[in-house]
């Protein structure tokens, strides 16, 4: 709920009334002792941070999902991404505060939680959908929608949450928006709408794989020089080579989005690609922060309750450890496996195109090519 930033008749507010302090301080009651008070406050803080993260992620998604994205919008999106990253780092550290509870401190009030579980945090589930986590990728046999649908049979509020999560699941995610934006990246001066684009992309793949193969052979030669068995050493390099081929051409067909990510990462110093590069860095940063949050959660729970079953019926720490394996922006992590040194890259075509130019017509051409909408399949994701 947004308010008018410049109301005609500003209210007379105090610090307490502006922040609703009295209502806020009553939200922790009742509690058994200060240990439970501490537990409630920390988890309520998590939910407040989740609320902010959701609002920030929606802004990011809405900025990037447009068919035309001005380069000037990308730094703003990256600022919002960095804010969410810092939120997750802060929340990861909050688990340290929870760890000040001893196991017996927690057991004293644990029975009062009943079947309440962190899995029932609908804001966390909304955040996962909003970023781009799909139901089929969830671990531990935990079905978010089925769980909230079941709760909704006896709880009207849970039914509303179920319906809300259904709607969020079907909306474009940050992953969808970023995939669409990056898929329009000009590769060696070619856009997806160019009739020769498929040939240009495949030529880039062939040139890159050839250079990568040469690099791998040199690396193998160095190991052999130092006493390694050539056949045994090459098995490992062959696996890396096969991964690169399958990554860029899954099923034998060029994946333009993955090639675009490789192109941007390989030529991150080019001015035209700077906005895309900033975005890639910010996305890796936010996912790293989320993984850190999940890992800290698992270690905190293990420290306090060990390996017992969670209050909501999950496998507890084992389930939490599995969630730390989630990767939403998979291609951004996987592309790092195949990167080669700048000096070993195939020459970029039309290098001036990717550099600064004072020609207004040249700049206009760049903008049209980079931001032009193109056919996009939601199945092709990072």
Protein backbone atom coordinates (compact mmCIF):
# COMPACT_ATOMS: atom_id res chain seq x y z
CA UNK A 1 0.00 0.00 0.00
CA UNK A 2 1.69 3.17 -1.22
CA UNK A 3 0.99 6.63 0.16
CA UNK A 4 1.20 10.07 -1.43
CA UNK A 5 4.81 11.25 -0.91
CA UNK A 6 3.61 14.88 -0.79
CA UNK A 7 0.24 14.95 1.03
CA UNK A 8 -1.60 18.28 0.98
CA UNK A 9 -2.20 18.09 4.72
CA UNK A 10 0.65 16.24 6.40
CA UNK A 11 -0.42 14.45 9.58
CA UNK A 12 1.08 15.33 12.92
CA UNK A 13 3.11 12.21 13.51
CA UNK A 14 5.47 11.06 16.20
CA UNK A 15 8.18 8.45 15.81
CA UNK A 16 5.88 5.95 17.50
CA UNK A 17 2.77 6.68 15.43
CA UNK A 18 4.69 6.82 12.14
CA UNK A 19 6.21 3.37 12.75
CA UNK A 20 3.19 1.86 14.56
CA UNK A 21 5.50 0.98 17.44
CA UNK A 22 2.81 0.04 19.96
CA UNK A 23 1.12 -2.40 17.59
CA UNK A 24 4.51 -3.81 16.60
CA UNK A 25 5.55 -4.48 20.20
CA UNK A 26 2.34 -6.37 20.93
CA UNK A 27 2.84 -8.87 18.09
CA UNK A 28 5.14 -11.16 20.11
CA UNK A 29 2.65 -11.98 22.85
CA UNK A 30 2.19 -14.43 24.46
CA UNK A 31 5.54 -16.09 25.13
CA UNK A 32 6.89 -18.59 27.66
CA UNK A 33 10.11 -16.74 28.46
CA UNK A 34 12.67 -14.42 26.86
CA UNK A 35 13.98 -17.31 24.78
CA UNK A 36 10.66 -17.63 23.00
CA UNK A 37 10.37 -13.84 22.80
CA UNK A 38 13.77 -13.82 21.09
CA UNK A 39 12.69 -16.62 18.72
CA UNK A 40 9.50 -14.79 17.71
CA UNK A 41 11.20 -11.43 17.17
CA UNK A 42 13.92 -12.90 14.94
CA UNK A 43 11.42 -14.74 12.76
CA UNK A 44 9.13 -11.73 12.53
CA UNK A 45 12.17 -9.75 11.37
CA UNK A 46 12.75 -12.38 8.68
CA UNK A 47 9.21 -11.84 7.42
CA UNK A 48 9.66 -8.06 7.34
CA UNK A 49 12.85 -8.47 5.29
CA UNK A 50 11.01 -10.92 3.01
CA UNK A 51 8.37 -8.26 2.42
CA UNK A 52 11.02 -5.77 1.33
CA UNK A 53 12.81 -8.34 -0.85
CA UNK A 54 9.55 -9.18 -2.66
CA UNK A 55 8.88 -5.50 -3.36
CA UNK A 56 12.43 -5.05 -4.71
CA UNK A 57 12.27 -8.17 -6.88
CA UNK A 58 9.00 -7.01 -8.45
CA UNK A 59 10.62 -3.70 -9.39
CA UNK A 60 13.57 -5.57 -10.95
CA UNK A 61 11.28 -7.94 -12.86
CA UNK A 62 9.08 -5.11 -14.15
CA UNK A 63 12.08 -3.06 -15.30
CA UNK A 64 13.62 -5.87 -17.33
CA UNK A 65 10.58 -7.75 -18.64
CA UNK A 66 9.69 -5.00 -21.12
CA UNK A 67 10.18 -5.69 -24.86
CA UNK A 68 12.36 -2.56 -24.96
CA UNK A 69 14.82 -2.00 -22.12
CA UNK A 70 16.80 1.23 -22.11
CA UNK A 71 20.41 0.73 -21.01
CA UNK A 72 19.83 3.52 -18.51
CA UNK A 73 17.39 1.27 -16.61
CA UNK A 74 19.92 -1.48 -15.94
CA UNK A 75 22.03 0.29 -13.26
CA UNK A 76 18.79 0.93 -11.34
CA UNK A 77 17.82 -2.73 -11.57
CA UNK A 78 21.29 -3.68 -10.36
CA UNK A 79 20.97 -1.37 -7.36
CA UNK A 80 17.74 -3.13 -6.37
CA UNK A 81 19.44 -6.50 -6.86
CA UNK A 82 22.33 -5.47 -4.63
CA UNK A 83 19.87 -4.37 -1.95
CA UNK A 84 18.26 -7.82 -1.98
CA UNK A 85 21.73 -9.39 -1.83
CA UNK A 86 22.52 -7.37 1.28
CA UNK A 87 19.17 -8.39 2.77
CA UNK A 88 20.08 -12.05 2.43
CA UNK A 89 23.53 -11.47 3.91
CA UNK A 90 21.89 -9.72 6.85
CA UNK A 91 19.39 -12.55 7.28
CA UNK A 92 22.17 -15.14 7.09
CA UNK A 93 23.83 -13.36 10.01
CA UNK A 94 20.51 -13.32 11.92
CA UNK A 95 20.78 -17.09 12.25
CA UNK A 96 23.80 -16.43 14.48
CA UNK A 97 21.42 -14.66 16.85
CA UNK A 98 19.13 -17.70 16.86
CA UNK A 99 22.14 -19.86 17.70
CA UNK A 100 22.35 -18.15 21.09
CA UNK A 101 19.47 -20.48 22.02
CA UNK A 102 20.68 -23.70 23.61
CA UNK A 103 18.93 -26.93 22.57
CA UNK A 104 17.17 -27.09 25.94
CA UNK A 105 16.14 -23.41 25.69
CA UNK A 106 14.35 -24.23 22.45
CA UNK A 107 12.82 -27.51 23.64
CA UNK A 108 11.20 -25.66 26.50
CA UNK A 109 8.80 -23.89 24.13
CA UNK A 110 9.04 -26.05 20.98
CA UNK A 111 5.85 -27.99 21.77
CA UNK A 112 3.97 -24.70 21.62
CA UNK A 113 4.84 -24.37 17.92
CA UNK A 114 2.58 -27.33 17.14
CA UNK A 115 2.83 -28.01 13.40
CA UNK A 116 3.95 -24.47 12.59
CA UNK A 117 6.95 -24.61 10.25
CA UNK A 118 9.17 -22.28 8.30
CA UNK A 119 8.02 -24.13 5.18
CA UNK A 120 4.68 -22.37 5.73
CA UNK A 121 6.29 -18.95 5.21
CA UNK A 122 4.24 -17.94 2.19
CA UNK A 123 6.45 -14.89 1.65
CA UNK A 124 9.53 -17.11 1.28
CA UNK A 125 7.63 -19.29 -1.17
CA UNK A 126 6.47 -16.20 -3.09
CA UNK A 127 10.04 -14.95 -3.22
CA UNK A 128 11.19 -18.28 -4.69
CA UNK A 129 8.51 -18.16 -7.39
CA UNK A 130 9.27 -14.52 -8.11
CA UNK A 131 12.98 -15.19 -8.61
CA UNK A 132 12.26 -18.19 -10.83
CA UNK A 133 12.31 -21.45 -8.85
CA UNK A 134 9.97 -23.99 -10.45
CA UNK A 135 7.90 -26.59 -8.60
CA UNK A 136 9.58 -29.45 -10.47
CA UNK A 137 12.96 -28.26 -9.14
CA UNK A 138 11.94 -28.43 -5.48
CA UNK A 139 13.62 -31.01 -3.29
CA UNK A 140 12.60 -33.25 -0.42
CA UNK A 141 9.18 -34.07 -1.84
CA UNK A 142 7.87 -30.75 -0.54
CA UNK A 143 4.90 -29.54 -2.60
CA UNK A 144 4.28 -25.87 -1.83
CA UNK A 145 0.89 -25.49 -3.51
CA UNK A 146 -0.49 -28.79 -2.23
CA UNK A 147 0.58 -27.83 1.30
CA UNK A 148 -1.16 -24.44 1.20
CA UNK A 149 -4.21 -25.91 -0.52
CA UNK A 150 -4.54 -28.40 2.33
CA UNK A 151 -4.16 -25.66 4.95
CA UNK A 152 -6.79 -23.64 3.10
CA UNK A 153 -9.46 -26.27 3.69
CA UNK A 154 -9.65 -25.21 7.35
CA UNK A 155 -8.03 -21.77 7.29
CA UNK A 156 -9.53 -18.96 5.13
CA UNK A 157 -6.29 -16.95 5.32
CA UNK A 158 -4.28 -19.94 4.08
CA UNK A 159 -6.75 -20.29 1.19
CA UNK A 160 -6.05 -16.69 0.21
CA UNK A 161 -2.32 -17.38 0.35
CA UNK A 162 -2.79 -20.46 -1.81
CA UNK A 163 -4.63 -18.44 -4.46
CA UNK A 164 -2.01 -15.69 -4.28
CA UNK A 165 0.85 -18.17 -4.73
CA UNK A 166 -0.94 -19.70 -7.71
CA UNK A 167 -1.10 -16.27 -9.33
CA UNK A 168 2.56 -15.46 -8.56
CA UNK A 169 3.69 -18.82 -9.94
CA UNK A 170 2.06 -18.03 -13.29
CA UNK A 171 3.48 -14.49 -13.57
CA UNK A 172 6.81 -13.78 -15.31
CA UNK A 173 9.71 -14.26 -12.91
CA UNK A 174 13.00 -12.40 -12.65
CA UNK A 175 14.51 -15.40 -14.43
CA UNK A 176 11.99 -15.06 -17.28
CA UNK A 177 12.66 -11.34 -17.61
CA UNK A 178 16.44 -11.68 -17.56
CA UNK A 179 16.35 -14.57 -20.03
CA UNK A 180 14.30 -12.49 -22.42
CA UNK A 181 16.60 -9.49 -22.09
CA UNK A 182 19.85 -11.42 -22.52
CA UNK A 183 18.54 -13.49 -25.43
CA UNK A 184 18.50 -10.26 -27.48
CA UNK A 185 22.24 -9.67 -26.98
CA UNK A 186 23.96 -8.96 -30.32
CA UNK A 187 26.47 -11.73 -31.00
CA UNK A 188 29.21 -10.62 -33.39
CA UNK A 189 26.89 -7.82 -34.50
CA UNK A 190 23.92 -10.09 -35.20
CA UNK A 191 20.49 -9.88 -33.54
CA UNK A 192 17.89 -12.67 -33.25
CA UNK A 193 15.76 -11.03 -35.96
CA UNK A 194 18.64 -11.02 -38.47
CA UNK A 195 18.07 -13.64 -41.21
CA UNK A 196 21.67 -14.82 -40.86
CA UNK A 197 21.63 -14.86 -37.05
CA UNK A 198 21.58 -18.65 -36.72
CA UNK A 199 24.64 -18.96 -38.94
CA UNK A 200 26.48 -16.18 -37.07
CA UNK A 201 25.77 -17.79 -33.71
CA UNK A 202 26.89 -21.23 -34.90
CA UNK A 203 30.06 -19.77 -36.40
CA UNK A 204 30.84 -18.14 -33.06
CA UNK A 205 30.31 -21.48 -31.28
CA UNK A 206 32.58 -23.30 -33.72
CA UNK A 207 35.32 -20.68 -33.41
CA UNK A 208 35.06 -20.65 -29.62
CA UNK A 209 35.12 -24.44 -29.29
CA UNK A 210 38.15 -24.65 -31.57
CA UNK A 211 40.04 -22.14 -29.40
CA UNK A 212 38.92 -23.93 -26.24
CA UNK A 213 40.12 -27.27 -27.61
CA UNK A 214 43.55 -25.78 -28.32
CA UNK A 215 43.69 -24.43 -24.77
CA UNK A 216 42.76 -27.82 -23.30
CA UNK A 217 45.46 -29.57 -25.35
CA UNK A 218 48.06 -27.10 -24.06
CA UNK A 219 46.90 -27.68 -20.48
CA UNK A 220 47.14 -31.43 -20.99
CA UNK A 221 50.64 -31.08 -22.45
CA UNK A 222 51.76 -29.24 -19.33
CA UNK A 223 50.53 -32.09 -17.10
CA UNK A 224 52.24 -34.67 -19.31
CA UNK A 225 55.46 -32.65 -19.20
CA UNK A 226 55.29 -32.85 -15.42
CA UNK A 227 54.90 -36.63 -15.44
CA UNK A 228 51.15 -37.30 -15.86
CA UNK A 229 49.86 -40.06 -18.13
CA UNK A 230 48.49 -38.43 -21.29
CA UNK A 231 45.48 -40.72 -21.73
CA UNK A 232 44.45 -40.44 -18.08
CA UNK A 233 44.91 -36.67 -18.10
CA UNK A 234 42.99 -36.15 -21.33
CA UNK A 235 39.92 -37.98 -19.93
CA UNK A 236 39.35 -35.04 -17.61
CA UNK A 237 39.92 -32.43 -20.31
CA UNK A 238 37.68 -34.37 -22.70
CA UNK A 239 34.88 -34.21 -20.12
CA UNK A 240 35.30 -30.43 -19.97
CA UNK A 241 35.26 -30.26 -23.76
CA UNK A 242 32.11 -32.41 -23.96
CA UNK A 243 30.43 -30.24 -21.35
CA UNK A 244 31.15 -27.10 -23.39
CA UNK A 245 29.71 -28.64 -26.56
CA UNK A 246 26.55 -29.81 -24.79
CA UNK A 247 26.19 -26.52 -22.93
CA UNK A 248 26.28 -24.41 -26.07
CA UNK A 249 24.40 -26.88 -28.27
CA UNK A 250 22.07 -28.98 -26.09
CA UNK A 251 20.62 -31.69 -28.28
CA UNK A 252 22.83 -30.48 -31.10
CA UNK A 253 20.98 -27.13 -31.45
CA UNK A 254 22.56 -23.79 -30.54
CA UNK A 255 21.12 -22.26 -27.37
CA UNK A 256 21.25 -18.55 -28.17
CA UNK A 257 20.74 -17.47 -24.58
CA UNK A 258 23.71 -19.48 -23.33
CA UNK A 259 25.84 -18.29 -26.22
CA UNK A 260 24.86 -14.70 -25.39
CA UNK A 261 25.92 -15.19 -21.77
CA UNK A 262 29.25 -16.62 -22.93
CA UNK A 263 29.69 -13.72 -25.36
CA UNK A 264 29.01 -11.11 -22.66
CA UNK A 265 31.26 -12.82 -20.11
CA UNK A 266 34.05 -13.18 -22.69
CA UNK A 267 33.87 -9.53 -23.81
CA UNK A 268 32.87 -7.81 -20.57
CA UNK A 269 35.17 -4.88 -21.34
CA UNK A 270 33.14 -3.79 -24.38
CA UNK A 271 31.04 -0.66 -23.70
CA UNK A 272 27.92 -1.93 -25.50
CA UNK A 273 27.88 -5.04 -23.28
CA UNK A 274 28.51 -3.19 -20.03
CA UNK A 275 24.85 -3.10 -18.93
CA UNK A 276 24.38 -6.81 -19.56
CA UNK A 277 27.60 -7.55 -17.68
CA UNK A 278 26.50 -5.51 -14.66
CA UNK A 279 23.26 -7.46 -14.62
CA UNK A 280 25.02 -10.84 -14.80
CA UNK A 281 27.32 -9.91 -11.91
CA UNK A 282 24.39 -8.72 -9.78
CA UNK A 283 22.43 -11.93 -10.44
CA UNK A 284 25.35 -14.15 -9.43
CA UNK A 285 25.79 -12.03 -6.31
CA UNK A 286 22.14 -12.32 -5.25
CA UNK A 287 22.06 -16.08 -5.75
CA UNK A 288 25.29 -16.47 -3.81
CA UNK A 289 23.74 -14.50 -0.95
CA UNK A 290 20.61 -16.69 -1.03
CA UNK A 291 22.72 -19.85 -0.90
CA UNK A 292 24.58 -18.40 2.09
CA UNK A 293 21.25 -17.71 3.83
CA UNK A 294 20.03 -21.28 3.26
CA UNK A 295 23.33 -22.79 4.42
CA UNK A 296 23.32 -20.66 7.60
CA UNK A 297 19.72 -21.75 8.26
CA UNK A 298 20.66 -25.42 8.00
CA UNK A 299 23.66 -25.07 10.32
CA UNK A 300 21.58 -23.17 12.88
CA UNK A 301 18.87 -25.83 12.92
CA UNK A 302 21.46 -28.63 13.15
CA UNK A 303 23.09 -26.91 16.10
CA UNK A 304 19.81 -26.57 18.00
CA UNK A 305 17.70 -29.64 17.15
CA UNK A 306 20.19 -31.97 15.47
CA UNK A 307 18.76 -34.30 12.82
CA UNK A 308 15.25 -34.73 14.19
CA UNK A 309 12.12 -34.33 12.04
CA UNK A 310 11.02 -30.72 11.51
CA UNK A 311 7.84 -29.39 13.13
CA UNK A 312 6.13 -29.29 9.72
CA UNK A 313 7.00 -32.92 8.94
CA UNK A 314 10.03 -32.28 6.70
CA UNK A 315 13.30 -34.17 7.16
CA UNK A 316 14.65 -31.12 8.98
CA UNK A 317 18.33 -30.40 8.41
CA UNK A 318 18.55 -32.88 5.52
CA UNK A 319 15.82 -30.95 3.68
CA UNK A 320 17.45 -27.58 4.42
CA UNK A 321 20.81 -28.82 3.16
CA UNK A 322 19.15 -29.87 -0.09
CA UNK A 323 17.64 -26.41 -0.57
CA UNK A 324 21.14 -24.93 -0.37
CA UNK A 325 21.79 -26.74 -3.67
CA UNK A 326 19.14 -24.68 -5.49
CA UNK A 327 20.49 -22.64 -8.40
CA UNK A 328 18.00 -20.44 -10.23
CA UNK A 329 20.42 -18.83 -12.67
CA UNK A 330 22.10 -22.13 -13.55
CA UNK A 331 23.67 -21.00 -16.83
CA UNK A 332 25.42 -18.08 -15.14
CA UNK A 333 27.25 -20.56 -12.90
CA UNK A 334 27.86 -23.20 -15.54
CA UNK A 335 29.32 -20.81 -18.12
CA UNK A 336 32.28 -20.29 -15.80
CA UNK A 337 33.38 -23.85 -16.53
CA UNK A 338 34.08 -23.06 -20.18
CA UNK A 339 35.52 -19.53 -20.08
CA UNK A 340 38.97 -19.06 -21.60
CA UNK A 341 41.47 -16.23 -21.38
CA UNK A 342 40.79 -13.11 -23.42
CA UNK A 343 44.00 -13.62 -25.39
CA UNK A 344 42.76 -17.06 -26.51
CA UNK A 345 39.31 -15.93 -27.68
CA UNK A 346 38.42 -15.83 -31.37
CA UNK A 347 38.54 -12.22 -32.68
CA UNK A 348 35.29 -10.34 -32.17
CA UNK A 349 33.57 -9.35 -35.41
CA UNK A 350 33.04 -5.59 -35.97
CA UNK A 351 34.77 -4.59 -32.75
CA UNK A 352 33.97 -0.90 -33.34
CA UNK A 353 30.28 -1.78 -33.08
CA UNK A 354 30.75 -2.73 -29.43
CA UNK A 355 32.86 0.32 -28.60
CA UNK A 356 32.03 3.94 -27.92
CA UNK A 357 30.99 5.88 -31.02
CA UNK A 358 30.21 9.55 -31.50
CA UNK A 359 28.09 8.82 -34.54
CA UNK A 360 24.43 9.29 -33.65
CA UNK A 361 23.35 6.96 -36.44
CA UNK A 362 25.74 4.31 -35.15
CA UNK A 363 24.41 4.68 -31.61
CA UNK A 364 20.83 4.47 -32.86
CA UNK A 365 21.64 1.27 -34.71
CA UNK A 366 23.17 -0.18 -31.54
CA UNK A 367 20.10 0.67 -29.48
CA UNK A 368 17.68 -0.79 -31.99
CA UNK A 369 19.66 -3.99 -32.35
CA UNK A 370 20.30 -4.57 -28.66
CA UNK A 371 16.76 -3.81 -27.48
CA UNK A 372 14.71 -5.12 -30.38
CA UNK A 373 12.11 -7.63 -29.26
CA UNK A 374 12.56 -11.15 -30.56
CA UNK A 375 10.83 -14.49 -30.43
CA UNK A 376 11.43 -15.99 -26.99
CA UNK A 377 10.59 -19.38 -25.55
CA UNK A 378 10.11 -19.50 -21.77
CA UNK A 379 11.69 -22.99 -21.71
CA UNK A 380 15.06 -21.45 -22.56
CA UNK A 381 16.21 -20.18 -19.19
CA UNK A 382 19.43 -19.27 -17.45
